[in-house]
Amino acid sequence: MGSDWVYQCNGCGAQFATVEEINDHTWSEFDKGNDHGGYSMVSGEPYKHYTGEKYWVVDTPAQEEVGHWEYK
């Protein structure tokens, strides 16, 4: 599993992929009279890294050897 770093607004919790996006948000809110207090870098949504390799997954004990293929 992995995730990418994102920029989270300290005022409302909105998340953005780039510094430019969070800065646009912050200034837009500031122009409306809202001070969101900057941002923090946080871990984004987790996702799996797939290698493209297949491997056998055993669904039951070794006696029956029933399983299915999954990608890494």
Foldseek 3Di string as FASTA:
>chain_A
DAFDKWKAQQQPGDTHRDPVVVVVVQVVCVVVVDHSPGIDIDTDDDDDDFPQDKDWDQPDPPPVRDTDIDTD
